[in-house]
């Protein structure tokens, strides 16, 4: 059985309302994680590219905080309680409840949760204790859920800068409302922020095309700026605006940490017993110097372990194109019934040229002897086009037999046309005359009918 009870003062209620507003910009539900010394509110956006959490300390944020759990499991999360609630349901309770100018203003908020496996429903009870003895009670339905946390190692974050959120807000005010991404980099003692979009809006008007807006500021405007020069890193502009907007309401200084592009960036700040963390995925071009050694070695291994069929397929395509240009028939593919043996330093065209060496000289482009998968540096002429002046054009037409027999490649080439002798032609004419039918009437007898007039 799990029991959670806490109470909030009016300033903490205002802070909780601001946190819920910020969480609603990322997700429709808020994940509640209760521990013995803190209460964490977190949210993960639908694309899983941004994660934010607010860790509320037990001693400094709450007036009273009590958490007890009795679970049979002894896993790593046995001393915690997880659930999620719709943010709209919580905002309907905490919105506009603090008004010190009214007699019925909220003086204290109490929340209780009792988790029992024997109960059919899970409810979170919220009581708003107002002035003049007014008490408003609410019961919210929650559901258990597995909480996902973004992993970020601060010790490896070599790039770091700290700035006032009001200063960052002045920079973002210059950007267009349709901008989606924000590119940040350092160049010659200046911090450059560039907003851009990755898609073009519908329409051919000039104003609907994407606009890039760059704002360059001096590094001295930051409280701390330690970033590698000319390293571009891009994040979602909407997530960045949400972070600086909440940091401004909390009157806290925001700090950014990151390593290199395509790795997470984390924005952190602390205020009144709350630790806020925004972990955002980044974009950009990763240079070879920033990539880990393991990934670089994997790339080298991949480039060296190419399949043997790749160069041969290129050669076959070239041979077929040359044969088509010369009016020849390309060499046949291997029959389905024959097994293909692995290549060992020579191509199929080389074996074919050796068997036909006695009948026809082999062209240099069709025979290729090499020891590796790449063309030797001193033998680039094998990939050149055929020179008609140097090489003699073949006189025979090369055909192929699809039967796949071994004797199909024997020297049986002939260049002859079907000839017809004169005696045979005369005999055929005599036979044709003997088969004719003699006329039955003279031409003079049928001239009166208008046929031969």
Protein backbone atom coordinates (compact mmCIF):
# COMPACT_ATOMS: atom_id res chain seq x y z
CA UNK A 1 0.00 0.00 0.00
CA UNK A 2 1.25 3.49 -0.91
CA UNK A 3 0.30 6.73 0.84
CA UNK A 4 1.21 10.25 -0.24
CA UNK A 5 0.13 13.43 1.54
CA UNK A 6 1.41 16.98 1.09
CA UNK A 7 0.40 20.59 1.60
CA UNK A 8 1.31 23.72 -0.36
CA UNK A 9 1.44 27.37 0.64
CA UNK A 10 0.04 30.09 -1.70
CA UNK A 11 3.47 30.90 -3.27
CA UNK A 12 4.04 27.20 -3.98
CA UNK A 13 0.58 26.97 -5.55
CA UNK A 14 1.51 29.73 -7.98
CA UNK A 15 4.76 27.94 -8.84
CA UNK A 16 2.89 24.69 -9.39
CA UNK A 17 0.48 26.46 -11.74
CA UNK A 18 3.39 27.87 -13.77
CA UNK A 19 4.99 24.43 -13.98
CA UNK A 20 1.75 22.90 -15.26
CA UNK A 21 1.50 25.60 -17.93
CA UNK A 22 5.03 24.79 -19.09
CA UNK A 23 4.35 21.04 -19.06
CA UNK A 24 1.22 21.50 -21.18
CA UNK A 25 3.39 22.84 -24.03
CA UNK A 26 5.04 19.44 -24.37
CA UNK A 27 2.39 16.83 -23.52
CA UNK A 28 -1.25 16.35 -22.53
CA UNK A 29 -0.39 14.28 -19.47
CA UNK A 30 1.97 14.86 -16.58
CA UNK A 31 3.90 12.04 -14.95
CA UNK A 32 4.09 12.18 -11.15
CA UNK A 33 6.96 10.42 -9.45
CA UNK A 34 6.96 10.37 -5.66
CA UNK A 35 10.02 9.57 -3.56
CA UNK A 36 10.90 9.99 0.08
CA UNK A 37 12.73 13.28 -0.40
CA UNK A 38 11.18 14.82 -3.53
CA UNK A 39 8.22 14.93 -5.91
CA UNK A 40 9.00 15.01 -9.62
CA UNK A 41 6.69 16.23 -12.39
CA UNK A 42 7.81 15.31 -15.91
CA UNK A 43 6.56 15.21 -19.49
CA UNK A 44 7.78 13.77 -22.80
CA UNK A 45 6.59 15.15 -26.12
CA UNK A 46 4.97 12.94 -28.75
CA UNK A 47 8.04 12.84 -31.02
CA UNK A 48 10.28 11.95 -28.05
CA UNK A 49 12.71 14.73 -28.85
CA UNK A 50 12.18 16.82 -25.71
CA UNK A 51 11.91 15.83 -22.04
CA UNK A 52 11.43 18.17 -19.10
CA UNK A 53 11.13 17.57 -15.39
CA UNK A 54 10.59 19.63 -12.25
CA UNK A 55 11.99 18.09 -9.08
CA UNK A 56 10.36 19.66 -6.00
CA UNK A 57 12.42 19.27 -2.83
CA UNK A 58 10.71 18.02 0.30
CA UNK A 59 12.14 20.55 2.76
CA UNK A 60 12.02 23.79 0.75
CA UNK A 61 8.98 23.53 -1.52
CA UNK A 62 6.29 21.85 0.60
CA UNK A 63 4.90 22.79 3.98
CA UNK A 64 4.28 19.14 4.83
CA UNK A 65 5.34 16.09 2.85
CA UNK A 66 4.86 12.43 3.75
CA UNK A 67 5.41 9.38 1.56
CA UNK A 68 5.24 5.74 2.63
CA UNK A 69 5.16 2.63 0.50
CA UNK A 70 4.91 -1.06 1.23
CA UNK A 71 5.63 -3.11 -1.85
CA UNK A 72 6.64 -6.73 -2.06
CA UNK A 73 8.99 -6.22 -4.97
CA UNK A 74 12.59 -5.31 -4.12
CA UNK A 75 13.56 -3.86 -7.51
CA UNK A 76 15.29 -0.54 -8.15
CA UNK A 77 11.93 1.32 -8.25
CA UNK A 78 10.40 -0.32 -5.20
CA UNK A 79 10.73 2.84 -3.07
CA UNK A 80 8.96 5.05 -5.62
CA UNK A 81 5.44 5.62 -6.85
CA UNK A 82 4.55 6.39 -10.47
CA UNK A 83 1.32 7.68 -12.01
CA UNK A 84 0.11 10.08 -14.68
CA UNK A 85 -2.79 12.56 -14.79
CA UNK A 86 -4.24 14.79 -17.47
CA UNK A 87 -2.79 18.29 -17.24
CA UNK A 88 -6.13 19.89 -18.09
CA UNK A 89 -7.66 18.33 -15.00
CA UNK A 90 -4.98 19.83 -12.76
CA UNK A 91 -5.12 23.23 -14.46
CA UNK A 92 -8.86 23.42 -13.85
CA UNK A 93 -8.12 23.22 -10.11
CA UNK A 94 -5.04 25.41 -9.73
CA UNK A 95 -5.93 28.11 -12.25
CA UNK A 96 -6.76 31.45 -10.66
CA UNK A 97 -7.07 30.10 -7.14
CA UNK A 98 -4.66 32.56 -5.54
CA UNK A 99 -6.14 36.02 -5.09
CA UNK A 100 -5.10 37.80 -1.96
CA UNK A 101 -7.57 40.64 -2.48
CA UNK A 102 -10.57 38.37 -1.87
CA UNK A 103 -11.81 36.99 1.40
CA UNK A 104 -12.22 33.56 -0.18
CA UNK A 105 -8.64 33.39 -1.45
CA UNK A 106 -6.82 30.07 -1.20
CA UNK A 107 -4.79 29.81 1.98
CA UNK A 108 -3.50 26.27 1.67
CA UNK A 109 -3.71 23.27 -0.66
CA UNK A 110 -3.70 19.70 0.58
CA UNK A 111 -3.28 16.62 -1.59
CA UNK A 112 -3.66 12.99 -0.60
CA UNK A 113 -3.23 9.74 -2.48
CA UNK A 114 -3.90 6.22 -1.23
CA UNK A 115 -2.85 3.38 -3.51
CA UNK A 116 -4.35 0.02 -2.60
CA UNK A 117 -4.48 -3.08 -4.78
CA UNK A 118 -7.89 -3.97 -3.32
CA UNK A 119 -9.53 -0.76 -4.54
CA UNK A 120 -11.19 -0.63 -7.92
CA UNK A 121 -10.50 3.06 -8.57
CA UNK A 122 -7.41 5.18 -8.08
CA UNK A 123 -8.12 8.75 -7.02
CA UNK A 124 -6.05 11.78 -6.08
CA UNK A 125 -7.87 13.95 -3.53
CA UNK A 126 -7.21 17.70 -3.64
CA UNK A 127 -8.54 20.15 -1.06
CA UNK A 128 -8.44 23.92 -1.49
CA UNK A 129 -8.76 25.55 1.92
CA UNK A 130 -9.94 29.12 1.37
CA UNK A 131 -10.84 32.05 3.60
CA UNK A 132 -14.01 32.23 5.69
CA UNK A 133 -13.86 28.47 6.21
CA UNK A 134 -14.55 27.55 2.57
CA UNK A 135 -13.16 24.15 1.55
CA UNK A 136 -13.29 22.92 -2.04
CA UNK A 137 -12.64 19.23 -2.65
CA UNK A 138 -11.70 17.50 -5.89
CA UNK A 139 -11.02 13.89 -6.80
CA UNK A 140 -8.96 13.19 -9.88
CA UNK A 141 -8.56 9.83 -11.57
CA UNK A 142 -5.01 8.78 -12.29
CA UNK A 143 -3.49 5.71 -13.88
CA UNK A 144 -0.21 3.89 -13.25
CA UNK A 145 2.42 4.28 -15.94
CA UNK A 146 6.06 3.54 -16.60
CA UNK A 147 8.03 6.78 -16.49
CA UNK A 148 10.75 7.42 -19.09
CA UNK A 149 13.70 9.62 -18.17
CA UNK A 150 16.14 11.26 -20.55
CA UNK A 151 19.76 10.33 -19.89
CA UNK A 152 22.28 13.17 -19.91
CA UNK A 153 25.85 13.03 -18.61
CA UNK A 154 26.87 16.48 -17.40
CA UNK A 155 30.50 15.44 -16.93
CA UNK A 156 30.95 15.01 -20.70
CA UNK A 157 29.31 18.31 -21.63
CA UNK A 158 32.33 20.40 -22.62
CA UNK A 159 30.26 23.29 -24.06
CA UNK A 160 28.43 25.47 -21.56
CA UNK A 161 26.91 28.93 -21.37
CA UNK A 162 24.82 30.77 -18.77
CA UNK A 163 22.55 33.75 -19.45
CA UNK A 164 19.62 35.67 -18.09
CA UNK A 165 16.28 34.49 -19.57
CA UNK A 166 15.20 38.09 -20.25
CA UNK A 167 18.29 38.57 -22.40
CA UNK A 168 17.49 35.38 -24.34
CA UNK A 169 13.89 36.50 -24.76
CA UNK A 170 15.06 39.73 -26.41
CA UNK A 171 16.97 37.62 -28.93
CA UNK A 172 13.99 35.39 -29.77
CA UNK A 173 11.71 38.40 -30.27
CA UNK A 174 13.51 39.13 -33.55
CA UNK A 175 12.60 35.72 -34.97
CA UNK A 176 9.60 35.03 -37.17
CA UNK A 177 6.55 33.29 -35.76
CA UNK A 178 6.81 30.62 -38.45
CA UNK A 179 10.43 29.75 -37.56
CA UNK A 180 10.88 26.17 -36.39
CA UNK A 181 14.58 25.61 -35.69
CA UNK A 182 17.26 27.59 -33.88
CA UNK A 183 20.93 27.34 -34.83
CA UNK A 184 23.54 28.41 -32.27
CA UNK A 185 27.28 28.78 -32.77
CA UNK A 186 30.24 30.92 -31.74
CA UNK A 187 32.25 32.96 -34.21
CA UNK A 188 35.07 35.45 -33.52
CA UNK A 189 34.05 36.40 -30.00
CA UNK A 190 30.32 36.55 -30.80
CA UNK A 191 27.40 34.23 -30.14
CA UNK A 192 25.18 33.90 -33.21
CA UNK A 193 21.56 32.72 -33.00
CA UNK A 194 19.86 31.96 -36.33
CA UNK A 195 16.21 30.99 -36.75
CA UNK A 196 15.07 29.06 -39.81
CA UNK A 197 12.43 26.64 -41.02
CA UNK A 198 12.76 23.32 -42.85
CA UNK A 199 9.60 23.53 -44.98
CA UNK A 200 8.04 25.97 -47.42
CA UNK A 201 4.51 27.20 -46.78
CA UNK A 202 1.81 26.84 -49.42
CA UNK A 203 1.68 29.61 -51.96
CA UNK A 204 4.02 31.43 -54.29
CA UNK A 205 4.06 34.75 -52.43
CA UNK A 206 7.44 36.06 -51.38
CA UNK A 207 6.35 36.53 -47.76
CA UNK A 208 5.52 32.83 -47.44
CA UNK A 209 9.03 31.66 -48.23
CA UNK A 210 11.22 30.66 -45.26
CA UNK A 211 13.24 33.50 -43.76
CA UNK A 212 16.53 33.11 -41.89
CA UNK A 213 17.06 35.64 -39.11
CA UNK A 214 20.45 35.89 -37.41
CA UNK A 215 21.17 37.78 -34.21
CA UNK A 216 24.81 38.19 -33.15
CA UNK A 217 25.62 39.16 -29.57
CA UNK A 218 28.86 39.66 -27.72
CA UNK A 219 30.06 36.88 -25.46
CA UNK A 220 30.38 39.35 -22.61
CA UNK A 221 26.59 39.62 -22.49
CA UNK A 222 26.54 36.10 -21.06
CA UNK A 223 27.40 35.36 -17.47
CA UNK A 224 29.48 32.43 -18.69
CA UNK A 225 30.28 31.39 -22.25
CA UNK A 226 32.58 28.45 -22.93
CA UNK A 227 31.70 27.05 -26.37
CA UNK A 228 33.87 25.67 -29.14
CA UNK A 229 34.26 28.09 -32.02
CA UNK A 230 32.25 27.56 -35.24
CA UNK A 231 30.41 24.47 -34.05
CA UNK A 232 26.78 24.67 -35.20
CA UNK A 233 24.06 23.06 -33.14
CA UNK A 234 20.31 23.31 -33.89
CA UNK A 235 17.33 22.72 -31.60
CA UNK A 236 13.58 23.21 -31.76
CA UNK A 237 12.80 26.90 -31.32
CA UNK A 238 9.43 26.21 -29.69
CA UNK A 239 11.05 24.13 -26.94
CA UNK A 240 13.69 26.80 -26.38
CA UNK A 241 11.06 29.52 -26.04
CA UNK A 242 9.08 27.41 -23.55
CA UNK A 243 12.17 26.98 -21.37
CA UNK A 244 13.16 30.65 -21.28
CA UNK A 245 9.54 31.74 -20.73
CA UNK A 246 9.23 29.63 -17.59
CA UNK A 247 12.72 30.60 -16.40
CA UNK A 248 11.69 34.25 -16.71
CA UNK A 249 8.60 33.75 -14.54
CA UNK A 250 10.74 31.92 -11.98
CA UNK A 251 13.38 34.71 -12.10
CA UNK A 252 16.15 32.14 -12.51
CA UNK A 253 19.36 32.07 -14.54
CA UNK A 254 19.36 29.45 -17.27
CA UNK A 255 22.36 27.25 -18.11
CA UNK A 256 22.88 25.25 -21.32
CA UNK A 257 25.18 22.23 -21.59
CA UNK A 258 25.96 20.09 -24.65
CA UNK A 259 28.78 18.12 -26.25
CA UNK A 260 28.43 18.17 -30.05
CA UNK A 261 25.63 18.09 -32.68
CA UNK A 262 23.17 15.18 -32.75
CA UNK A 263 23.65 14.77 -28.99
CA UNK A 264 21.19 16.06 -26.36
CA UNK A 265 21.31 19.60 -25.04
CA UNK A 266 20.17 20.31 -21.48
CA UNK A 267 18.82 23.58 -20.10
CA UNK A 268 18.80 23.75 -16.29
CA UNK A 269 17.91 26.28 -13.60
CA UNK A 270 16.91 26.23 -9.92
CA UNK A 271 14.36 28.34 -8.05
CA UNK A 272 12.67 28.13 -4.63
CA UNK A 273 13.40 24.46 -4.01
CA UNK A 274 12.63 23.34 -7.58
CA UNK A 275 15.21 21.97 -10.03
CA UNK A 276 14.14 22.29 -13.67
CA UNK A 277 15.73 20.29 -16.49
CA UNK A 278 14.94 20.51 -20.21
CA UNK A 279 16.64 17.81 -22.30
CA UNK A 280 16.29 18.56 -26.02
CA UNK A 281 17.60 16.62 -28.99
CA UNK A 282 19.85 18.56 -31.36
CA UNK A 283 20.61 18.55 -35.06
CA UNK A 284 23.65 19.46 -37.12
CA UNK A 285 26.60 18.14 -39.04
CA UNK A 286 28.97 16.05 -36.96
CA UNK A 287 32.62 16.60 -37.81
CA UNK A 288 35.01 13.66 -37.79
CA UNK A 289 36.90 15.16 -34.85
CA UNK A 290 33.76 15.12 -32.66
CA UNK A 291 32.76 11.55 -33.46
CA UNK A 292 33.82 8.89 -30.95
CA UNK A 293 36.74 6.62 -31.79
CA UNK A 294 34.52 3.54 -31.88
CA UNK A 295 32.25 5.01 -34.54
CA UNK A 296 35.20 6.13 -36.66
CA UNK A 297 36.77 2.67 -36.55
CA UNK A 298 33.44 1.17 -37.53
CA UNK A 299 33.28 3.44 -40.55
CA UNK A 300 36.79 2.43 -41.62
CA UNK A 301 35.94 -1.25 -41.24
CA UNK A 302 32.84 -0.81 -43.32
CA UNK A 303 34.76 0.86 -46.13
CA UNK A 304 37.36 -1.91 -46.21
CA UNK A 305 34.95 -4.85 -46.12
CA UNK A 306 33.11 -4.29 -49.38
CA UNK A 307 31.56 -7.20 -51.20
CA UNK A 308 33.48 -8.57 -54.24
CA UNK A 309 30.45 -8.30 -56.48
CA UNK A 310 30.35 -4.51 -56.49
CA UNK A 311 33.29 -3.81 -58.88
CA UNK A 312 32.30 -6.68 -61.16
CA UNK A 313 28.78 -5.36 -61.54
CA UNK A 314 30.18 -2.00 -62.59
CA UNK A 315 32.39 -3.69 -65.18
CA UNK A 316 29.49 -5.73 -66.54
CA UNK A 317 27.33 -2.65 -66.88
CA UNK A 318 30.12 -0.94 -68.78
CA UNK A 319 30.65 -3.92 -71.08
CA UNK A 320 26.94 -4.08 -71.85
CA UNK A 321 26.86 -0.37 -72.67
CA UNK A 322 29.88 -0.68 -74.98
CA UNK A 323 28.37 -3.72 -76.67
CA UNK A 324 25.12 -1.85 -77.22
CA UNK A 325 26.93 1.09 -78.78
CA UNK A 326 28.86 -1.23 -81.15
CA UNK A 327 25.71 -3.14 -82.15
CA UNK A 328 26.81 -6.28 -80.34
CA UNK A 329 24.93 -8.57 -78.04
CA UNK A 330 26.05 -8.34 -74.39
CA UNK A 331 27.44 -11.45 -72.70
CA UNK A 332 24.80 -13.71 -71.13
CA UNK A 333 24.06 -13.97 -67.42
CA UNK A 334 24.98 -17.28 -65.75
CA UNK A 335 22.31 -20.01 -65.97
CA UNK A 336 20.14 -20.53 -62.89
CA UNK A 337 21.28 -24.12 -62.43
CA UNK A 338 24.99 -23.36 -62.22
CA UNK A 339 26.55 -22.37 -58.91
CA UNK A 340 28.42 -19.09 -58.68
CA UNK A 341 31.91 -19.49 -57.28
CA UNK A 342 33.53 -16.72 -55.25
CA UNK A 343 35.83 -14.44 -57.15
CA UNK A 344 39.54 -14.72 -56.48
CA UNK A 345 41.40 -11.90 -58.18
CA UNK A 346 39.81 -12.21 -61.66
CA UNK A 347 36.45 -11.64 -63.30
CA UNK A 348 34.18 -13.88 -65.36
CA UNK A 349 35.08 -11.99 -68.51
CA UNK A 350 38.72 -13.06 -68.03
CA UNK A 351 37.84 -16.78 -68.10
CA UNK A 352 35.72 -16.25 -71.18
CA UNK A 353 38.52 -14.40 -72.96
CA UNK A 354 41.04 -17.17 -72.21
CA UNK A 355 38.83 -19.83 -73.83
CA UNK A 356 38.42 -17.72 -76.97
CA UNK A 357 42.04 -16.50 -77.22
CA UNK A 358 42.77 -18.69 -80.28
CA UNK A 359 39.92 -17.25 -82.36
CA UNK A 360 39.75 -13.59 -81.33
CA UNK A 361 42.07 -11.18 -79.56
CA UNK A 362 40.78 -10.12 -76.17
CA UNK A 363 40.18 -6.42 -75.54
CA UNK A 364 41.86 -4.84 -72.56
CA UNK A 365 38.54 -3.61 -71.21
CA UNK A 366 37.09 -7.11 -71.04
CA UNK A 367 39.95 -8.78 -69.14
CA UNK A 368 40.89 -7.36 -65.80
CA UNK A 369 43.52 -8.87 -63.53
CA UNK A 370 43.78 -7.37 -60.07
CA UNK A 371 44.55 -8.50 -56.55
CA UNK A 372 42.26 -6.12 -54.63
CA UNK A 373 38.75 -4.71 -55.02
CA UNK A 374 40.01 -1.48 -56.49
CA UNK A 375 41.64 -0.67 -59.85
CA UNK A 376 45.46 -0.32 -59.63
CA UNK A 377 46.74 3.22 -60.01
CA UNK A 378 48.91 2.33 -63.03
CA UNK A 379 46.12 0.52 -64.89
CA UNK A 380 43.45 3.19 -65.25
CA UNK A 381 43.29 2.59 -68.98
CA UNK A 382 41.15 -0.49 -68.34
CA UNK A 383 38.24 1.82 -67.53
CA UNK A 384 38.76 4.06 -70.57
CA UNK A 385 36.51 3.93 -73.60
CA UNK A 386 37.53 1.85 -76.59
CA UNK A 387 39.73 3.68 -79.07
CA UNK A 388 38.75 2.79 -82.63
CA UNK A 389 42.13 3.83 -84.03
CA UNK A 390 44.24 1.70 -81.67
CA UNK A 391 42.02 -1.36 -81.38
CA UNK A 392 40.73 -3.19 -84.39
CA UNK A 393 36.96 -3.40 -84.59
CA UNK A 394 35.77 -7.00 -84.39
CA UNK A 395 34.50 -8.47 -87.62
CA UNK A 396 32.38 -11.23 -86.13
CA UNK A 397 29.14 -10.98 -84.22
CA UNK A 398 29.41 -12.72 -80.88
CA UNK A 399 26.30 -14.65 -79.78
CA UNK A 400 25.62 -16.77 -76.74
CA UNK A 401 23.82 -20.00 -75.98
CA UNK A 402 21.35 -20.01 -73.07
CA UNK A 403 21.62 -23.77 -72.57
CA UNK A 404 24.63 -23.33 -70.27
CA UNK A 405 26.63 -26.20 -71.77
CA UNK A 406 30.39 -26.26 -71.44
CA UNK A 407 30.90 -26.74 -75.20
CA UNK A 408 28.83 -23.66 -75.98
CA UNK A 409 31.93 -21.47 -75.85
CA UNK A 410 33.84 -23.46 -78.51
CA UNK A 411 35.25 -21.68 -81.54
CA UNK A 412 32.22 -22.03 -83.83
CA UNK A 413 32.04 -18.48 -85.10
CA UNK A 414 31.15 -18.07 -88.78
CA UNK A 415 30.58 -15.01 -90.88
CA UNK A 416 28.60 -16.07 -93.95
CA UNK A 417 25.31 -15.21 -95.56
CA UNK A 418 22.86 -17.72 -97.01
CA UNK A 419 23.74 -18.11 -100.74
CA UNK A 420 21.42 -19.18 -103.56
CA UNK A 421 22.89 -20.74 -106.77
CA UNK A 422 21.58 -19.93 -110.23
CA UNK A 423 20.76 -23.58 -111.03
CA UNK A 424 18.51 -23.78 -108.02
CA UNK A 425 16.74 -20.59 -109.09
CA UNK A 426 16.18 -21.90 -112.63
CA UNK A 427 14.80 -25.18 -111.33
CA UNK A 428 12.36 -23.30 -109.13
CA UNK A 429 11.20 -21.19 -112.10
CA UNK A 430 10.66 -24.30 -114.24
CA UNK A 431 8.62 -25.94 -111.53
CA UNK A 432 6.56 -22.78 -111.18
CA UNK A 433 5.83 -22.63 -114.94
CA UNK A 434 4.75 -26.28 -114.97
CA UNK A 435 2.16 -25.61 -112.31
CA UNK A 436 0.46 -22.74 -114.24
CA UNK A 437 -3.10 -23.12 -115.72
CA UNK A 438 -3.36 -22.42 -119.51
CA UNK A 439 -5.83 -19.69 -120.68
CA UNK A 440 -9.24 -20.81 -122.03
CA UNK A 441 -10.10 -17.68 -124.05
CA UNK A 442 -8.26 -15.25 -126.22
CA UNK A 443 -7.88 -11.64 -125.21
CA UNK A 444 -9.73 -10.48 -128.37
CA UNK A 445 -12.84 -12.38 -127.25
CA UNK A 446 -13.14 -10.50 -123.94
CA UNK A 447 -12.36 -6.95 -125.06
CA UNK A 448 -15.98 -6.09 -125.56
CA UNK A 449 -16.81 -6.47 -121.91
CA UNK A 450 -14.84 -3.34 -120.84
CA UNK A 451 -12.22 -5.19 -118.85
CA UNK A 452 -9.27 -4.93 -121.25
CA UNK A 453 -10.47 -1.95 -123.34
